[in-house]
Amino acid sequence: MRVLYVDPSLERPLGHHANVTVNIVHALHALGHEVQVLGNGKASAGLGVDVERAFSKAVYSHLEVEPGAAFPALARYWAGRYESEALPYIARFYPDLIYANSISGFVLAGLADAVGKLYPSGQCPPIVGEFPFPSSGTKEAEWYAAQIRYAIETMPEGVLARTTLMTVNGRTAARLGEAIEWPAAAFPSPYVVPASPDAQGRERAPGSPIRVGVLGHQAGHKGILLVPDILEIALAEMPGVEVVVQVQEQDTDPAVRARLHDLAKGNPRLEVISGALDKEEYDALARRLDVFLLPYDRKRYQSSISGICYEALSNGGCVVCPDDSSLADIVVKYQGDTGLFGEWTARSIADALKRVVDDFEAVSERAREGQRHFLEENGPVAFARELLAHAAPDAPRRPSVLRALWLSKVAYLKFRCARALARIMRRR
């Protein structure tokens, strides 16, 4: 089977877009299928997966816009842009199935328009789109849902019949379905930290320090502003703990970075890693950790997902995260509620971490047992099998590449006109 993997936000060989691409593509290859990846940027350098630079804009370019009266023109502009960029590659690769990762409704609308023009009605390759839905009740979620509803309302009927909207969390799928008034499926999670090549994993000698980590892309809603206070409490009150924190120049407040580096001076129990890590470095670091500290804002994670949370569960690491959240749902399922915190304060989060540390042997035993169950139900191969189950039984015929190039030019002219109209509407 030929699978087209689409991710307009795949810009570099670092971060969750790169990691999940590698996981899914390698799983599809292992199952004997051919994959073509369409990204945005020269991500294949160092990624280990060949990527065609098809797209010029990531989805984040239009997720935090207040469109007002310009919405129809703006929607046509973005959908047309993605359509014009995807058309030649769809025709050239003629996939049996299209999977689009971490997208917006505008990407879906563009892909739907492309296959609707290339294939006879009802004979197009199925589209599976993954939507990491923001928390319900926020302006961001309303805008995100409006884009998806636009795609559903405008795509050709034959394409809609072969389209599946999904995410990798049950709560997220339910909230997404309510917001767009359309069913959304929950797939297995493809986010994992693979087992150590030397089979050492997270082996920890008795009596050695408990290794706590704060990893990944840092942001305000992920609690980075609270992290220095949390760690100051942890280092003072939990003598058996060592901590590693990953910070990145472009997304961490300078004052926070400075304070973390000050805390680390002369303190061998705190390590600060500056900058992004490639997949091998990140996986190796994650395998060293006993506890994954996720000091996230519960409101933001009512329905949002966290790849790091899934990676921690796959690794048998204990998780500290907010209660009554999409994260808590899966953490409780696989390792219990010891590490859940209520208030979004440094003291409350540190107390949750201390409960895990004080009862570490019991909590880590539950986490290791949960790891086994998690990996039975999730992982890249489980995700790939579920994805392939949505393929159509009839193989789509090969469309004309020349026709696709012509249609791409027409779509390009249309989205340029739509952009001009959107600018006029915004000025009014």
Protein backbone atom coordinates (compact mmCIF):
# COMPACT_ATOMS: atom_id res chain seq x y z
CA MET A 1 0.00 0.00 0.00
CA ARG A 2 1.13 3.54 -0.75
CA VAL A 3 0.65 5.97 2.15
CA LEU A 4 1.08 9.73 1.77
CA TYR A 5 2.16 11.27 5.09
CA VAL A 6 1.34 14.99 5.30
CA ASP A 7 2.59 17.43 7.94
CA PRO A 8 2.94 21.12 6.96
CA SER A 9 4.55 21.80 10.36
CA LEU A 10 7.37 19.29 9.87
CA GLU A 11 10.11 21.91 9.54
CA ARG A 12 13.18 20.42 11.22
CA PRO A 13 14.53 17.08 12.50
CA LEU A 14 13.74 18.03 16.11
CA GLY A 15 10.64 18.09 18.30
CA HIS A 16 7.37 16.18 18.36
CA HIS A 17 6.58 16.59 14.66
CA ALA A 18 9.88 14.94 13.75
CA ASN A 19 9.65 12.25 16.44
CA VAL A 20 6.14 11.11 15.56
CA THR A 21 6.98 11.13 11.84
CA VAL A 22 9.89 8.77 12.41
CA ASN A 23 7.79 6.52 14.64
CA ILE A 24 4.87 6.19 12.23
CA VAL A 25 6.90 5.98 9.01
CA HIS A 26 9.20 3.30 10.38
CA ALA A 27 6.18 1.32 11.62
CA LEU A 28 4.54 1.51 8.18
CA HIS A 29 7.78 0.43 6.52
CA ALA A 30 8.06 -2.49 8.94
CA LEU A 31 4.56 -3.59 7.94
CA GLY A 32 5.64 -3.59 4.29
CA HIS A 33 4.12 -0.34 3.02
CA GLU A 34 5.56 2.48 0.93
CA VAL A 35 5.47 6.00 2.41
CA GLN A 36 5.99 9.46 0.96
CA VAL A 37 6.37 12.30 3.49
CA LEU A 38 5.38 15.87 2.66
CA GLY A 39 6.76 18.44 5.08
CA ASN A 40 7.82 22.06 5.34
CA GLY A 41 11.55 22.57 5.35
CA LYS A 42 14.59 20.38 4.91
CA ALA A 43 13.63 18.07 7.73
CA SER A 44 15.15 14.97 6.16
CA ALA A 45 18.68 16.14 6.99
CA GLY A 46 19.32 14.18 10.17
CA LEU A 47 15.77 12.80 10.43
CA GLY A 48 16.41 9.43 8.82
CA VAL A 49 13.26 9.76 6.71
CA ASP A 50 13.09 11.34 3.25
CA VAL A 51 10.86 14.42 3.25
CA GLU A 52 9.61 16.44 0.28
CA ARG A 53 9.38 20.15 1.01
CA ALA A 54 5.84 20.61 -0.26
CA PHE A 55 4.45 23.29 2.05
CA SER A 56 5.50 26.86 2.71
CA LYS A 57 3.49 27.52 5.90
CA ALA A 58 3.01 25.55 9.11
CA VAL A 59 -0.45 25.27 10.64
CA TYR A 60 0.62 27.52 13.49
CA SER A 61 0.55 30.43 11.05
CA HIS A 62 -3.24 30.58 11.28
CA LEU A 63 -4.24 29.04 14.60
CA GLU A 64 -4.35 32.24 16.67
CA VAL A 65 -6.10 34.61 14.28
CA GLU A 66 -9.27 36.57 15.00
CA PRO A 67 -10.76 36.51 11.49
CA GLY A 68 -14.05 38.37 11.98
CA ALA A 69 -15.80 39.19 8.69
CA ALA A 70 -12.74 38.07 6.73
CA PHE A 71 -13.29 34.40 7.66
CA PRO A 72 -14.74 33.17 4.32
CA ALA A 73 -11.98 34.76 2.26
CA LEU A 74 -9.31 33.72 4.77
CA ALA A 75 -10.59 30.14 4.72
CA ARG A 76 -10.53 30.03 0.93
CA TYR A 77 -7.03 31.49 0.96
CA TRP A 78 -5.51 28.92 3.34
CA ALA A 79 -7.37 25.96 1.88
CA GLY A 80 -6.37 27.02 -1.63
CA ARG A 81 -2.75 27.40 -0.60
CA TYR A 82 -2.54 23.87 0.82
CA GLU A 83 -4.48 22.51 -2.17
CA SER A 84 -2.10 24.06 -4.70
CA GLU A 85 0.96 22.77 -2.83
CA ALA A 86 -0.36 19.20 -2.33
CA LEU A 87 -1.86 18.59 -5.79
CA PRO A 88 1.34 17.73 -7.74
CA TYR A 89 2.59 15.35 -5.04
CA ILE A 90 -0.73 13.50 -4.76
CA ALA A 91 -0.81 12.99 -8.51
CA ARG A 92 2.85 11.93 -8.65
CA PHE A 93 2.64 9.47 -5.75
CA TYR A 94 -1.01 8.41 -6.28
CA PRO A 95 -1.47 7.14 -2.70
CA ASP A 96 -3.92 4.51 -1.49
CA LEU A 97 -4.27 6.41 1.79
CA ILE A 98 -3.47 9.93 3.00
CA TYR A 99 -2.56 10.55 6.64
CA ALA A 100 -2.25 14.17 7.81
CA ASN A 101 -0.59 14.76 11.19
CA SER A 102 -1.30 17.64 13.61
CA ILE A 103 -3.28 19.66 11.11
CA SER A 104 -5.94 22.36 11.00
CA GLY A 105 -9.24 22.37 9.17
CA PHE A 106 -7.72 24.46 6.41
CA VAL A 107 -5.16 21.73 5.65
CA LEU A 108 -7.97 19.17 5.57
CA ALA A 109 -10.02 21.41 3.26
CA GLY A 110 -7.07 21.82 0.91
CA LEU A 111 -6.35 18.08 0.77
CA ALA A 112 -10.05 17.33 0.22
CA ASP A 113 -10.26 19.82 -2.63
CA ALA A 114 -7.14 18.33 -4.21
CA VAL A 115 -8.31 14.71 -4.19
CA GLY A 116 -11.83 15.78 -5.15
CA LYS A 117 -10.45 17.31 -8.35
CA LEU A 118 -8.04 14.48 -9.15
CA TYR A 119 -10.34 11.50 -8.62
CA PRO A 120 -13.90 10.52 -9.66
CA SER A 121 -16.52 10.90 -6.93
CA GLY A 122 -16.24 8.13 -4.35
CA GLN A 123 -12.99 6.76 -5.78
CA CYS A 124 -10.45 8.95 -4.01
CA PRO A 125 -7.89 7.72 -1.48
CA PRO A 126 -9.25 7.95 2.08
CA ILE A 127 -7.98 10.82 4.23
CA VAL A 128 -7.23 10.36 7.93
CA GLY A 129 -6.61 13.67 9.70
CA GLU A 130 -5.20 14.00 13.22
CA PHE A 131 -6.39 17.04 15.18
CA PRO A 132 -4.70 17.92 18.51
CA PHE A 133 -7.74 19.86 19.72
CA PRO A 134 -7.03 22.80 22.10
CA SER A 135 -8.95 23.06 25.35
CA SER A 136 -12.68 23.58 24.99
CA GLY A 137 -14.12 26.98 25.84
CA THR A 138 -11.12 28.98 24.66
CA LYS A 139 -10.99 31.34 21.69
CA GLU A 140 -8.26 29.19 20.21
CA ALA A 141 -10.51 26.12 20.38
CA GLU A 142 -13.47 27.99 18.86
CA TRP A 143 -11.33 29.20 15.96
CA TYR A 144 -9.77 25.76 15.48
CA ALA A 145 -13.21 24.11 15.44
CA ALA A 146 -14.54 26.70 12.98
CA GLN A 147 -11.80 25.74 10.54
CA ILE A 148 -12.68 22.05 10.78
CA ARG A 149 -16.40 22.76 10.34
CA TYR A 150 -15.50 24.77 7.24
CA ALA A 151 -13.65 21.76 5.84
CA ILE A 152 -16.56 19.41 6.56
CA GLU A 153 -19.10 21.77 5.02
CA THR A 154 -17.14 22.48 1.85
CA MET A 155 -15.45 19.21 0.92
CA PRO A 156 -16.94 17.08 -1.88
CA GLU A 157 -19.44 14.49 -0.64
CA GLY A 158 -17.47 11.58 -2.06
CA VAL A 159 -14.35 12.76 -0.23
CA LEU A 160 -16.18 13.36 3.05
CA ALA A 161 -17.48 9.79 2.96
CA ARG A 162 -13.85 8.59 2.96
CA THR A 163 -12.53 11.01 5.57
CA THR A 164 -11.77 10.12 9.20
CA LEU A 165 -11.08 12.75 11.87
CA MET A 166 -9.11 11.45 14.81
CA THR A 167 -6.81 12.14 17.71
CA VAL A 168 -4.94 9.90 20.15
CA ASN A 169 -6.86 10.58 23.37
CA GLY A 170 -10.43 9.59 24.26
CA ARG A 171 -11.29 12.82 26.07
CA THR A 172 -9.80 14.90 23.25
CA ALA A 173 -11.80 12.98 20.64
CA ALA A 174 -15.03 13.48 22.60
CA ARG A 175 -14.48 17.24 23.06
CA LEU A 176 -13.47 17.63 19.42
CA GLY A 177 -16.56 15.77 18.23
CA GLU A 178 -18.81 17.98 20.33
CA ALA A 179 -17.19 21.16 19.03
CA ILE A 180 -17.40 20.29 15.34
CA GLU A 181 -20.63 18.27 15.53
CA TRP A 182 -18.97 15.42 13.72
CA PRO A 183 -17.58 12.11 15.02
CA ALA A 184 -13.89 11.94 15.92
CA ALA A 185 -12.09 8.66 16.55
CA ALA A 186 -9.46 7.88 19.20
CA PHE A 187 -6.44 6.02 17.78
CA PRO A 188 -3.64 4.32 19.73
CA SER A 189 -0.81 6.68 20.65
CA PRO A 190 2.26 6.55 18.38
CA TYR A 191 4.33 8.49 20.96
CA VAL A 192 6.86 6.18 22.61
CA VAL A 193 10.42 6.18 23.83
CA PRO A 194 11.90 3.04 22.23
CA ALA A 195 13.70 0.52 24.40
CA SER A 196 17.39 1.12 24.94
CA PRO A 197 19.60 -0.61 22.34
CA ASP A 198 21.72 -2.03 25.16
CA ALA A 199 18.58 -3.22 27.01
CA GLN A 200 19.57 -1.20 30.08
CA GLY A 201 16.49 1.02 29.93
CA ARG A 202 16.00 2.96 33.14
CA GLU A 203 17.83 0.53 35.39
CA ARG A 204 18.43 2.21 38.75
CA ALA A 205 20.76 0.91 41.41
CA PRO A 206 19.18 0.57 44.89
CA GLY A 207 19.75 3.71 46.94
CA SER A 208 20.73 5.84 43.95
CA PRO A 209 19.06 9.25 43.43
CA ILE A 210 15.58 9.47 41.90
CA ARG A 211 16.01 11.16 38.53
CA VAL A 212 13.35 13.80 37.73
CA GLY A 213 13.07 15.53 34.35
CA VAL A 214 11.33 18.53 32.81
CA LEU A 215 11.63 17.99 29.08
CA GLY A 216 10.48 19.32 25.73
CA HIS A 217 9.28 22.58 24.28
CA GLN A 218 8.69 25.05 27.12
CA ALA A 219 5.80 27.49 27.22
CA GLY A 220 3.77 29.45 29.73
CA HIS A 221 0.89 26.97 29.76
CA LYS A 222 3.42 24.20 30.43
CA GLY A 223 4.37 25.85 33.71
CA ILE A 224 7.89 26.98 32.86
CA LEU A 225 7.42 30.11 34.98
CA LEU A 226 6.77 27.88 38.00
CA VAL A 227 9.65 25.49 37.36
CA PRO A 228 12.40 27.43 39.23
CA ASP A 229 10.24 27.62 42.39
CA ILE A 230 9.26 23.95 42.09
CA LEU A 231 12.86 22.88 41.74
CA GLU A 232 14.03 25.08 44.61
CA ILE A 233 11.49 23.34 46.85
CA ALA A 234 12.42 19.89 45.51
CA LEU A 235 16.15 20.36 45.98
CA ALA A 236 15.61 21.66 49.52
CA GLU A 237 13.02 19.14 50.72
CA MET A 238 13.84 15.99 48.71
CA PRO A 239 17.51 15.10 49.26
CA GLY A 240 17.24 11.88 47.28
CA VAL A 241 16.32 13.66 44.04
CA GLU A 242 18.35 14.73 41.00
CA VAL A 243 16.78 16.96 38.35
CA VAL A 244 17.41 17.68 34.69
CA VAL A 245 15.65 20.57 32.91
CA GLN A 246 15.64 21.24 29.19
CA VAL A 247 15.34 24.88 28.15
CA GLN A 248 15.45 26.44 24.70
CA GLU A 249 16.57 29.96 23.94
CA GLN A 250 13.68 30.82 21.63
CA ASP A 251 10.82 29.76 23.89
CA THR A 252 11.99 30.20 27.48
CA ASP A 253 11.79 33.52 29.31
CA PRO A 254 15.32 34.94 29.82
CA ALA A 255 14.67 35.55 33.52
CA VAL A 256 13.60 31.92 33.95
CA ARG A 257 16.68 30.67 32.11
CA ALA A 258 18.93 32.84 34.24
CA ARG A 259 17.37 31.64 37.47
CA LEU A 260 17.64 27.98 36.45
CA HIS A 261 21.30 28.41 35.61
CA ASP A 262 21.84 30.19 38.94
CA LEU A 263 20.20 27.27 40.78
CA ALA A 264 22.44 24.83 38.94
CA LYS A 265 25.67 26.65 39.85
CA GLY A 266 27.48 24.60 42.42
CA ASN A 267 24.56 22.16 42.70
CA PRO A 268 25.47 18.79 41.16
CA ARG A 269 21.88 17.60 41.67
CA LEU A 270 20.52 19.98 39.01
CA GLU A 271 21.46 19.81 35.34
CA VAL A 272 20.21 22.39 32.82
CA ILE A 273 20.32 21.38 29.17
CA SER A 274 20.17 24.32 26.78
CA GLY A 275 18.79 23.89 23.29
CA ALA A 276 16.95 21.26 21.30
CA LEU A 277 17.91 17.59 21.25
CA ASP A 278 17.79 15.27 18.28
CA LYS A 279 15.69 12.12 18.60
CA GLU A 280 18.50 9.86 19.74
CA GLU A 281 19.65 12.34 22.39
CA TYR A 282 16.09 12.95 23.59
CA ASP A 283 15.28 9.22 23.80
CA ALA A 284 18.51 8.52 25.68
CA LEU A 285 17.72 11.28 28.17
CA ALA A 286 14.14 10.10 28.65
CA ARG A 287 15.31 6.56 29.36
CA ARG A 288 17.43 7.90 32.24
CA LEU A 289 14.48 9.44 34.04
CA ASP A 290 12.46 7.95 36.86
CA VAL A 291 9.92 10.78 37.10
CA PHE A 292 8.54 13.06 34.37
CA LEU A 293 7.42 16.40 35.79
CA LEU A 294 4.62 17.98 33.72
CA PRO A 295 3.69 21.19 35.61
CA TYR A 296 1.01 22.04 33.06
CA ASP A 297 -2.04 24.29 33.32
CA ARG A 298 -5.10 22.10 33.85
CA LYS A 299 -7.32 24.53 31.91
CA ARG A 300 -5.14 24.21 28.81
CA TYR A 301 -5.06 20.43 29.09
CA GLN A 302 -8.77 19.76 29.46
CA SER A 303 -8.60 18.25 25.99
CA SER A 304 -5.08 18.89 24.68
CA ILE A 305 -2.68 15.98 24.42
CA SER A 306 0.94 15.71 25.51
CA GLY A 307 3.39 13.57 23.59
CA ILE A 308 5.79 13.67 26.55
CA CYS A 309 3.13 12.17 28.82
CA TYR A 310 2.67 9.24 26.43
CA GLU A 311 6.44 8.85 26.09
CA ALA A 312 6.77 8.71 29.88
CA LEU A 313 4.11 6.01 30.13
CA SER A 314 5.78 3.99 27.37
CA ASN A 315 9.05 4.25 29.27
CA GLY A 316 7.65 3.17 32.63
CA GLY A 317 8.40 6.58 34.14
CA CYS A 318 6.27 8.04 36.94
CA VAL A 319 4.27 11.10 35.85
CA VAL A 320 3.40 14.25 37.80
CA CYS A 321 0.60 16.15 36.05
CA PRO A 322 -2.62 18.16 36.68
CA ASP A 323 -5.73 16.33 37.88
CA ASP A 324 -9.03 16.51 35.97
CA SER A 325 -7.24 16.73 32.61
CA SER A 326 -6.70 14.62 29.52
CA LEU A 327 -3.27 13.79 30.97
CA ALA A 328 -4.75 12.60 34.27
CA ASP A 329 -7.13 10.26 32.44
CA ILE A 330 -4.32 8.22 30.95
CA VAL A 331 -1.93 8.51 33.91
CA VAL A 332 -4.56 7.17 36.33
CA LYS A 333 -5.35 4.36 33.89
CA TYR A 334 -1.76 3.15 33.71
CA GLN A 335 -0.15 4.09 37.04
CA GLY A 336 -2.60 5.58 39.55
CA ASP A 337 -3.16 9.07 40.96
CA THR A 338 -0.21 9.61 43.32
CA GLY A 339 1.40 12.22 41.06
CA LEU A 340 -1.68 14.36 40.37
CA PHE A 341 -1.76 17.97 41.60
CA GLY A 342 -4.75 20.28 42.06
CA GLU A 343 -3.77 23.94 42.24
CA TRP A 344 -1.49 25.31 39.56
CA THR A 345 1.10 26.57 42.04
CA ALA A 346 4.70 25.67 42.75
CA ARG A 347 3.79 24.39 46.21
CA SER A 348 0.99 22.14 44.99
CA ILE A 349 3.10 20.69 42.18
CA ALA A 350 6.10 20.17 44.47
CA ASP A 351 3.84 18.38 46.98
CA ALA A 352 2.67 16.00 44.24
CA LEU A 353 6.28 15.33 43.30
CA LYS A 354 7.11 14.68 46.96
CA ARG A 355 4.29 12.13 47.24
CA VAL A 356 5.82 10.24 44.32
CA VAL A 357 9.32 10.47 45.82
CA ASP A 358 8.19 9.40 49.30
CA ASP A 359 6.34 6.37 47.93
CA PHE A 360 8.66 5.82 45.01
CA GLU A 361 9.06 2.05 45.13
CA ALA A 362 5.31 1.44 45.07
CA VAL A 363 4.60 4.14 42.47
CA SER A 364 7.41 3.01 40.18
CA GLU A 365 6.20 -0.59 40.43
CA ARG A 366 2.75 0.53 39.26
CA ALA A 367 4.41 2.55 36.49
CA ARG A 368 6.35 -0.48 35.26
CA GLU A 369 3.20 -2.59 35.28
CA GLY A 370 1.37 0.22 33.50
CA GLN A 371 4.14 0.38 30.92
CA ARG A 372 3.41 -3.21 29.93
CA HIS A 373 -0.30 -2.52 29.47
CA PHE A 374 0.38 0.76 27.66
CA LEU A 375 2.66 -0.91 25.13
CA GLU A 376 0.13 -3.70 24.57
CA GLU A 377 -2.45 -1.10 23.51
CA ASN A 378 -0.32 1.69 21.99
CA GLY A 379 2.82 2.40 20.04
CA PRO A 380 3.71 3.13 16.40
CA VAL A 381 2.78 -0.32 15.09
CA ALA A 382 -0.60 -0.27 16.85
CA PHE A 383 -1.20 3.19 15.41
CA ALA A 384 -0.13 2.12 11.92
CA ARG A 385 -2.42 -0.91 11.97
CA GLU A 386 -5.38 1.27 12.98
CA LEU A 387 -4.48 3.76 10.26
CA LEU A 388 -4.27 1.05 7.59
CA ALA A 389 -7.66 -0.28 8.64
CA HIS A 390 -9.17 2.92 7.20
CA ALA A 391 -7.81 2.30 3.70
CA ALA A 392 -10.37 1.76 0.94
CA PRO A 393 -10.68 -1.77 -0.48
CA ASP A 394 -10.49 -0.40 -4.04
CA ALA A 395 -7.15 1.04 -5.12
CA PRO A 396 -7.58 4.56 -6.58
CA ARG A 397 -6.48 4.91 -10.18
CA ARG A 398 -3.45 7.03 -11.03
CA PRO A 399 -4.40 10.65 -11.79
CA SER A 400 -2.79 12.78 -14.50
CA VAL A 401 0.30 14.64 -13.29
CA LEU A 402 -0.07 17.24 -16.04
CA ARG A 403 -3.67 17.86 -15.01
CA ALA A 404 -2.56 18.15 -11.39
CA LEU A 405 0.04 20.78 -12.30
CA TRP A 406 -2.60 22.77 -14.19
CA LEU A 407 -5.05 22.50 -11.28
CA SER A 408 -2.28 23.58 -8.92
CA LYS A 409 -1.71 26.75 -10.95
CA VAL A 410 -5.45 27.49 -10.94
CA ALA A 411 -5.65 26.89 -7.17
CA TYR A 412 -2.63 29.15 -6.67
CA LEU A 413 -4.32 32.02 -8.52
CA LYS A 414 -7.50 31.47 -6.53
CA PHE A 415 -5.76 31.59 -3.15
CA ARG A 416 -3.89 34.76 -4.15
CA CYS A 417 -7.24 36.38 -4.99
CA ALA A 418 -8.72 35.12 -1.71
CA ARG A 419 -5.80 36.59 0.24
CA ALA A 420 -6.32 39.98 -1.40
CA LEU A 421 -10.02 39.84 -0.57
CA ALA A 422 -9.25 38.90 3.06
CA ARG A 423 -6.98 41.94 3.40
CA ILE A 424 -9.73 44.20 2.06
CA MET A 425 -12.29 42.72 4.47
CA ARG A 426 -9.95 43.23 7.46
CA ARG A 427 -9.55 46.91 6.70
CA ARG A 428 -13.30 47.46 6.85
